[in-house]
All heavy atoms as atom14 arrays in JSON, in Angstrom:
{
  "sequence": "VRYENTRSLTKYVKGEFLKSEEILSKEDKMYN",
  "atom14_mask": [
    [1, 1, 1, 1, 1, 1, 1, 0, 0, 0, 0, 0, 0, 0],
    [1, 1, 1, 1, 1, 1, 1, 1, 1, 1, 1, 0, 0, 0],
    [1, 1, 1, 1, 1, 1, 1, 1, 1, 1, 1, 1, 0, 0],
    [1, 1, 1, 1, 1, 1, 1, 1, 1, 0, 0, 0, 0, 0],
    [1, 1, 1, 1, 1, 1, 1, 1, 0, 0, 0, 0, 0, 0],
    [1, 1, 1, 1, 1, 1, 1, 0, 0, 0, 0, 0, 0, 0],
    [1, 1, 1, 1, 1, 1, 1, 1, 1, 1, 1, 0, 0, 0],
    [1, 1, 1, 1, 1, 1, 0, 0, 0, 0, 0, 0, 0, 0],
    [1, 1, 1, 1, 1, 1, 1, 1, 0, 0, 0, 0, 0, 0],
    [1, 1, 1, 1, 1, 1, 1, 0, 0, 0, 0, 0, 0, 0],
    [1, 1, 1, 1, 1, 1, 1, 1, 1, 0, 0, 0, 0, 0],
    [1, 1, 1, 1, 1, 1, 1, 1, 1, 1, 1, 1, 0, 0],
    [1, 1, 1, 1, 1, 1, 1, 0, 0, 0, 0, 0, 0, 0],
    [1, 1, 1, 1, 1, 1, 1, 1, 1, 0, 0, 0, 0, 0],
    [1, 1, 1, 1, 0, 0, 0, 0, 0, 0, 0, 0, 0, 0],
    [1, 1, 1, 1, 1, 1, 1, 1, 1, 0, 0, 0, 0, 0],
    [1, 1, 1, 1, 1, 1, 1, 1, 1, 1, 1, 0, 0, 0],
    [1, 1, 1, 1, 1, 1, 1, 1, 0, 0, 0, 0, 0, 0],
    [1, 1, 1, 1, 1, 1, 1, 1, 1, 0, 0, 0, 0, 0],
    [1, 1, 1, 1, 1, 1, 0, 0, 0, 0, 0, 0, 0, 0],
    [1, 1, 1, 1, 1, 1, 1, 1, 1, 0, 0, 0, 0, 0],
    [1, 1, 1, 1, 1, 1, 1, 1, 1, 0, 0, 0, 0, 0],
    [1, 1, 1, 1, 1, 1, 1, 1, 0, 0, 0, 0, 0, 0],
    [1, 1, 1, 1, 1, 1, 1, 1, 0, 0, 0, 0, 0, 0],
    [1, 1, 1, 1, 1, 1, 0, 0, 0, 0, 0, 0, 0, 0],
    [1, 1, 1, 1, 1, 1, 1, 1, 1, 0, 0, 0, 0, 0],
    [1, 1, 1, 1, 1, 1, 1, 1, 1, 0, 0, 0, 0, 0],
    [1, 1, 1, 1, 1, 1, 1, 1, 0, 0, 0, 0, 0, 0],
    [1, 1, 1, 1, 1, 1, 1, 1, 1, 0, 0, 0, 0, 0],
    [1, 1, 1, 1, 1, 1, 1, 1, 0, 0, 0, 0, 0, 0],
    [1, 1, 1, 1, 1, 1, 1, 1, 1, 1, 1, 1, 0, 0],
    [1, 1, 1, 1, 1, 1, 1, 1, 0, 0, 0, 0, 0, 0]
  ],
  "atom14_positions": [
    [[127.56, 84.09, 111.51], [127.17, 85.49, 111.32], [127.76, 86.34, 112.45], [127.52, 86.07, 113.63], [125.64, 85.66, 111.29], [125.27, 87.14, 111.15], [125.03, 84.83, 110.18], [0.0, 0.0, 0.0], [0.0, 0.0, 0.0], [0.0, 0.0, 0.0], [0.0, 0.0, 0.0], [0.0, 0.0, 0.0], [0.0, 0.0, 0.0], [0.0, 0.0, 0.0]],
    [[128.54, 87.35, 112.08], [129.01, 88.32, 113.07], [128.02, 89.49, 113.09], [127.6, 89.96, 112.04], [130.42, 88.82, 112.73], [131.49, 87.78, 112.99], [132.88, 88.4, 113.06], [133.9, 87.4, 113.33], [134.27, 86.99, 114.53], [133.68, 87.52, 115.6], [135.19, 86.07, 114.69], [0.0, 0.0, 0.0], [0.0, 0.0, 0.0], [0.0, 0.0, 0.0]],
    [[127.67, 89.93, 114.29], [126.69, 91.0, 114.39], [127.11, 92.03, 115.43], [127.91, 91.76, 116.33], [125.3, 90.44, 114.72], [125.19, 89.79, 116.09], [124.84, 90.55, 117.21], [125.41, 88.43, 116.26], [124.72, 89.96, 118.46], [125.31, 87.84, 117.51], [124.96, 88.61, 118.6], [124.86, 88.02, 119.84], [0.0, 0.0, 0.0], [0.0, 0.0, 0.0]],
    [[126.56, 93.22, 115.28], [126.77, 94.3, 116.23], [125.43, 94.86, 116.63], [124.59, 95.15, 115.77], [127.64, 95.4, 115.62], [127.85, 96.6, 116.54], [128.63, 97.72, 115.87], [129.01, 97.58, 114.69], [128.87, 98.75, 116.55], [0.0, 0.0, 0.0], [0.0, 0.0, 0.0], [0.0, 0.0, 0.0], [0.0, 0.0, 0.0], [0.0, 0.0, 0.0]],
    [[125.23, 95.04, 117.92], [123.98, 95.62, 118.41], [124.0, 97.14, 118.31], [125.06, 97.77, 118.28], [123.74, 95.22, 119.87], [123.09, 93.85, 120.0], [122.73, 93.23, 119.01], [122.93, 93.39, 121.23], [0.0, 0.0, 0.0], [0.0, 0.0, 0.0], [0.0, 0.0, 0.0], [0.0, 0.0, 0.0], [0.0, 0.0, 0.0], [0.0, 0.0, 0.0]],
    [[122.81, 97.72, 118.31], [122.69, 99.17, 118.29], [123.35, 99.79, 119.51], [123.41, 99.18, 120.59], [121.21, 99.59, 118.25], [121.14, 101.02, 118.24], [120.44, 99.07, 119.45], [0.0, 0.0, 0.0], [0.0, 0.0, 0.0], [0.0, 0.0, 0.0], [0.0, 0.0, 0.0], [0.0, 0.0, 0.0], [0.0, 0.0, 0.0], [0.0, 0.0, 0.0]],
    [[123.85, 101.02, 119.34], [124.39, 101.78, 120.47], [123.36, 102.82, 120.94], [123.69, 103.66, 121.79], [125.7, 102.46, 120.06], [126.84, 101.46, 119.8], [128.05, 102.12, 119.15], [128.78, 102.98, 120.06], [129.97, 102.68, 120.59], [130.55, 101.51, 120.31], [130.59, 103.52, 121.4], [0.0, 0.0, 0.0], [0.0, 0.0, 0.0], [0.0, 0.0, 0.0]],
    [[122.17, 102.77, 120.39], [121.11, 103.7, 120.77], [120.24, 103.08, 121.86], [119.58, 102.06, 121.63], [120.24, 104.05, 119.56], [119.03, 104.65, 119.97], [0.0, 0.0, 0.0], [0.0, 0.0, 0.0], [0.0, 0.0, 0.0], [0.0, 0.0, 0.0], [0.0, 0.0, 0.0], [0.0, 0.0, 0.0], [0.0, 0.0, 0.0], [0.0, 0.0, 0.0]],
    [[120.24, 103.69, 123.03], [119.42, 103.17, 124.13], [117.94, 103.23, 123.75], [117.17, 102.31, 124.08], [119.68, 103.97, 125.4], [118.9, 103.53, 126.64], [119.26, 102.11, 127.03], [119.14, 104.48, 127.82], [0.0, 0.0, 0.0], [0.0, 0.0, 0.0], [0.0, 0.0, 0.0], [0.0, 0.0, 0.0], [0.0, 0.0, 0.0], [0.0, 0.0, 0.0]],
    [[117.53, 104.27, 123.07], [116.13, 104.42, 122.66], [115.69, 103.24, 121.81], [114.62, 102.65, 122.03], [115.93, 105.74, 121.89], [116.33, 106.83, 122.7], [114.47, 105.9, 121.48], [0.0, 0.0, 0.0], [0.0, 0.0, 0.0], [0.0, 0.0, 0.0], [0.0, 0.0, 0.0], [0.0, 0.0, 0.0], [0.0, 0.0, 0.0], [0.0, 0.0, 0.0]],
    [[116.51, 102.89, 120.82], [116.17, 101.76, 119.96], [116.2, 100.44, 120.72], [115.34, 99.58, 120.55], [117.14, 101.69, 118.76], [116.95, 102.81, 117.75], [117.89, 102.64, 116.56], [117.66, 103.72, 115.52], [118.57, 103.56, 114.36], [0.0, 0.0, 0.0], [0.0, 0.0, 0.0], [0.0, 0.0, 0.0], [0.0, 0.0, 0.0], [0.0, 0.0, 0.0]],
    [[117.2, 100.31, 121.59], [117.36, 99.04, 122.3], [116.16, 98.74, 123.19], [115.65, 97.61, 123.19], [118.65, 99.07, 123.13], [119.0, 97.72, 123.72], [119.66, 96.75, 122.97], [118.63, 97.41, 125.03], [119.94, 95.5, 123.52], [118.92, 96.17, 125.58], [119.58, 95.22, 124.81], [119.86, 93.98, 125.35], [0.0, 0.0, 0.0], [0.0, 0.0, 0.0]],
    [[115.68, 99.73, 123.93], [114.56, 99.47, 124.84], [113.26, 99.23, 124.06], [112.31, 98.67, 124.6], [114.39, 100.62, 125.86], [115.62, 100.74, 126.74], [114.05, 101.93, 125.19], [0.0, 0.0, 0.0], [0.0, 0.0, 0.0], [0.0, 0.0, 0.0], [0.0, 0.0, 0.0], [0.0, 0.0, 0.0], [0.0, 0.0, 0.0], [0.0, 0.0, 0.0]],
    [[113.25, 99.64, 122.78], [112.09, 99.36, 121.93], [112.17, 97.97, 121.3], [111.26, 97.56, 120.58], [111.98, 100.4, 120.82], [111.55, 101.78, 121.29], [111.47, 102.74, 120.1], [111.01, 104.12, 120.52], [110.97, 105.06, 119.36], [0.0, 0.0, 0.0], [0.0, 0.0, 0.0], [0.0, 0.0, 0.0], [0.0, 0.0, 0.0], [0.0, 0.0, 0.0]],
    [[113.27, 97.28, 121.55], [113.44, 95.95, 120.98], [114.13, 95.93, 119.64], [114.21, 94.89, 118.98], [0.0, 0.0, 0.0], [0.0, 0.0, 0.0], [0.0, 0.0, 0.0], [0.0, 0.0, 0.0], [0.0, 0.0, 0.0], [0.0, 0.0, 0.0], [0.0, 0.0, 0.0], [0.0, 0.0, 0.0], [0.0, 0.0, 0.0], [0.0, 0.0, 0.0]],
    [[114.65, 97.09, 119.2], [115.4, 97.15, 117.95], [116.88, 96.92, 118.28], [117.69, 97.84, 118.33], [115.2, 98.52, 117.28], [113.75, 98.81, 116.95], [113.53, 100.24, 116.47], [114.51, 100.87, 115.99], [112.4, 100.74, 116.58], [0.0, 0.0, 0.0], [0.0, 0.0, 0.0], [0.0, 0.0, 0.0], [0.0, 0.0, 0.0], [0.0, 0.0, 0.0]],
    [[117.24, 95.66, 118.51], [118.55, 95.33, 119.06], [119.68, 95.43, 118.03], [120.77, 95.88, 118.34], [118.53, 93.91, 119.64], [117.43, 93.68, 120.63], [116.5, 92.67, 120.45], [117.31, 94.5, 121.75], [115.49, 92.45, 121.36], [116.3, 94.29, 122.68], [115.39, 93.26, 122.48], [0.0, 0.0, 0.0], [0.0, 0.0, 0.0], [0.0, 0.0, 0.0]],
    [[119.41, 94.99, 116.83], [120.48, 94.79, 115.85], [120.85, 96.08, 115.11], [119.98, 96.82, 114.66], [120.07, 93.73, 114.83], [121.15, 93.2, 113.89], [122.21, 92.45, 114.67], [120.52, 92.29, 112.84], [0.0, 0.0, 0.0], [0.0, 0.0, 0.0], [0.0, 0.0, 0.0], [0.0, 0.0, 0.0], [0.0, 0.0, 0.0], [0.0, 0.0, 0.0]],
    [[122.16, 96.33, 115.0], [122.64, 97.44, 114.17], [123.1, 96.93, 112.81], [122.75, 97.48, 111.77], [123.79, 98.16, 114.87], [124.42, 99.27, 114.02], [125.62, 99.91, 114.7], [126.27, 100.96, 113.81], [127.48, 101.55, 114.44], [0.0, 0.0, 0.0], [0.0, 0.0, 0.0], [0.0, 0.0, 0.0], [0.0, 0.0, 0.0], [0.0, 0.0, 0.0]],
    [[123.89, 95.86, 112.8], [124.39, 95.31, 111.54], [124.77, 93.85, 111.74], [125.0, 93.4, 112.86], [125.62, 96.1, 111.05], [126.69, 95.96, 111.97], [0.0, 0.0, 0.0], [0.0, 0.0, 0.0], [0.0, 0.0, 0.0], [0.0, 0.0, 0.0], [0.0, 0.0, 0.0], [0.0, 0.0, 0.0], [0.0, 0.0, 0.0], [0.0, 0.0, 0.0]],
    [[124.82, 93.14, 110.64], [125.29, 91.75, 110.68], [125.96, 91.41, 109.37], [125.68, 92.01, 108.32], [124.15, 90.78, 110.97], [123.03, 90.78, 109.95], [121.9, 89.82, 110.34], [122.04, 89.12, 111.35], [120.91, 89.76, 109.6], [0.0, 0.0, 0.0], [0.0, 0.0, 0.0], [0.0, 0.0, 0.0], [0.0, 0.0, 0.0], [0.0, 0.0, 0.0]],
    [[126.89, 90.46, 109.44], [127.65, 90.06, 108.26], [127.74, 88.54, 108.22], [128.21, 87.91, 109.17], [129.06, 90.65, 108.32], [129.95, 90.24, 107.16], [131.39, 90.71, 107.32], [131.73, 91.24, 108.38], [132.17, 90.51, 106.36], [0.0, 0.0, 0.0], [0.0, 0.0, 0.0], [0.0, 0.0, 0.0], [0.0, 0.0, 0.0], [0.0, 0.0, 0.0]],
    [[127.26, 87.97, 107.14], [127.39, 86.52, 106.93], [128.79, 86.25, 106.42], [129.19, 86.77, 105.37], [126.33, 86.0, 105.94], [124.93, 86.3, 106.45], [126.51, 84.51, 105.71], [123.83, 85.97, 105.46], [0.0, 0.0, 0.0], [0.0, 0.0, 0.0], [0.0, 0.0, 0.0], [0.0, 0.0, 0.0], [0.0, 0.0, 0.0], [0.0, 0.0, 0.0]],
    [[129.55, 85.46, 107.14], [130.95, 85.23, 106.79], [131.1, 84.08, 105.81], [130.49, 83.02, 105.97], [131.77, 84.93, 108.05], [131.79, 86.01, 109.15], [132.77, 85.6, 110.25], [132.17, 87.36, 108.59], [0.0, 0.0, 0.0], [0.0, 0.0, 0.0], [0.0, 0.0, 0.0], [0.0, 0.0, 0.0], [0.0, 0.0, 0.0], [0.0, 0.0, 0.0]],
    [[131.92, 84.31, 104.81], [132.27, 83.23, 103.89], [133.37, 82.38, 104.55], [133.94, 82.76, 105.57], [132.8, 83.81, 102.58], [134.03, 84.5, 102.81], [0.0, 0.0, 0.0], [0.0, 0.0, 0.0], [0.0, 0.0, 0.0], [0.0, 0.0, 0.0], [0.0, 0.0, 0.0], [0.0, 0.0, 0.0], [0.0, 0.0, 0.0], [0.0, 0.0, 0.0]],
    [[133.66, 81.26, 103.95], [134.76, 80.41, 104.45], [136.06, 81.19, 104.44], [136.87, 81.09, 105.38], [134.87, 79.16, 103.58], [135.96, 78.19, 104.03], [135.97, 76.96, 103.15], [137.08, 76.0, 103.54], [137.1, 74.79, 102.67], [0.0, 0.0, 0.0], [0.0, 0.0, 0.0], [0.0, 0.0, 0.0], [0.0, 0.0, 0.0], [0.0, 0.0, 0.0]],
    [[136.27, 81.99, 103.41], [137.49, 82.8, 103.32], [137.55, 83.82, 104.46], [138.6, 84.02, 105.07], [137.55, 83.51, 101.97], [138.83, 84.31, 101.74], [138.83, 85.0, 100.39], [137.88, 85.77, 100.13], [139.77, 84.77, 99.6], [0.0, 0.0, 0.0], [0.0, 0.0, 0.0], [0.0, 0.0, 0.0], [0.0, 0.0, 0.0], [0.0, 0.0, 0.0]],
    [[136.41, 84.47, 104.75], [136.35, 85.43, 105.85], [136.75, 84.76, 107.17], [137.51, 85.31, 107.96], [134.93, 86.0, 106.02], [134.5, 86.87, 104.85], [135.38, 87.48, 104.21], [133.28, 86.92, 104.58], [0.0, 0.0, 0.0], [0.0, 0.0, 0.0], [0.0, 0.0, 0.0], [0.0, 0.0, 0.0], [0.0, 0.0, 0.0], [0.0, 0.0, 0.0]],
    [[136.21, 83.57, 107.4], [136.48, 82.87, 108.65], [137.97, 82.52, 108.77], [138.55, 82.61, 109.86], [135.64, 81.6, 108.73], [134.15, 81.86, 108.83], [133.36, 80.56, 108.8], [131.87, 80.81, 108.79], [131.08, 79.55, 108.69], [0.0, 0.0, 0.0], [0.0, 0.0, 0.0], [0.0, 0.0, 0.0], [0.0, 0.0, 0.0], [0.0, 0.0, 0.0]],
    [[138.59, 82.16, 107.65], [140.01, 81.81, 107.69], [140.87, 83.05, 107.93], [141.86, 82.99, 108.66], [140.41, 81.1, 106.39], [139.84, 79.7, 106.28], [140.49, 78.74, 104.89], [139.75, 79.61, 103.5], [0.0, 0.0, 0.0], [0.0, 0.0, 0.0], [0.0, 0.0, 0.0], [0.0, 0.0, 0.0], [0.0, 0.0, 0.0], [0.0, 0.0, 0.0]],
    [[140.49, 84.18, 107.35], [141.2, 85.44, 107.64], [141.09, 85.78, 109.12], [142.07, 86.17, 109.76], [140.62, 86.58, 106.8], [141.13, 86.64, 105.38], [140.24, 86.81, 104.31], [142.48, 86.56, 105.1], [140.7, 86.86, 103.0], [142.95, 86.61, 103.79], [142.06, 86.77, 102.74], [142.51, 86.83, 101.44], [0.0, 0.0, 0.0], [0.0, 0.0, 0.0]],
    [[139.88, 85.64, 109.67], [139.69, 85.93, 111.09], [140.52, 84.99, 111.96], [141.03, 85.39, 113.01], [138.21, 85.81, 111.47], [137.39, 86.97, 110.93], [137.92, 88.03, 110.63], [136.09, 86.76, 110.8], [0.0, 0.0, 0.0], [0.0, 0.0, 0.0], [0.0, 0.0, 0.0], [0.0, 0.0, 0.0], [0.0, 0.0, 0.0], [0.0, 0.0, 0.0]]
  ]
}
């Protein structure tokens, strides 16, 4: 899973760390 954390300091200090995530397929991993 590739993920990106929030860029909002307000959310981060509240413990809302995650902005988005993507479950990679085998094909995705090979492209990467």
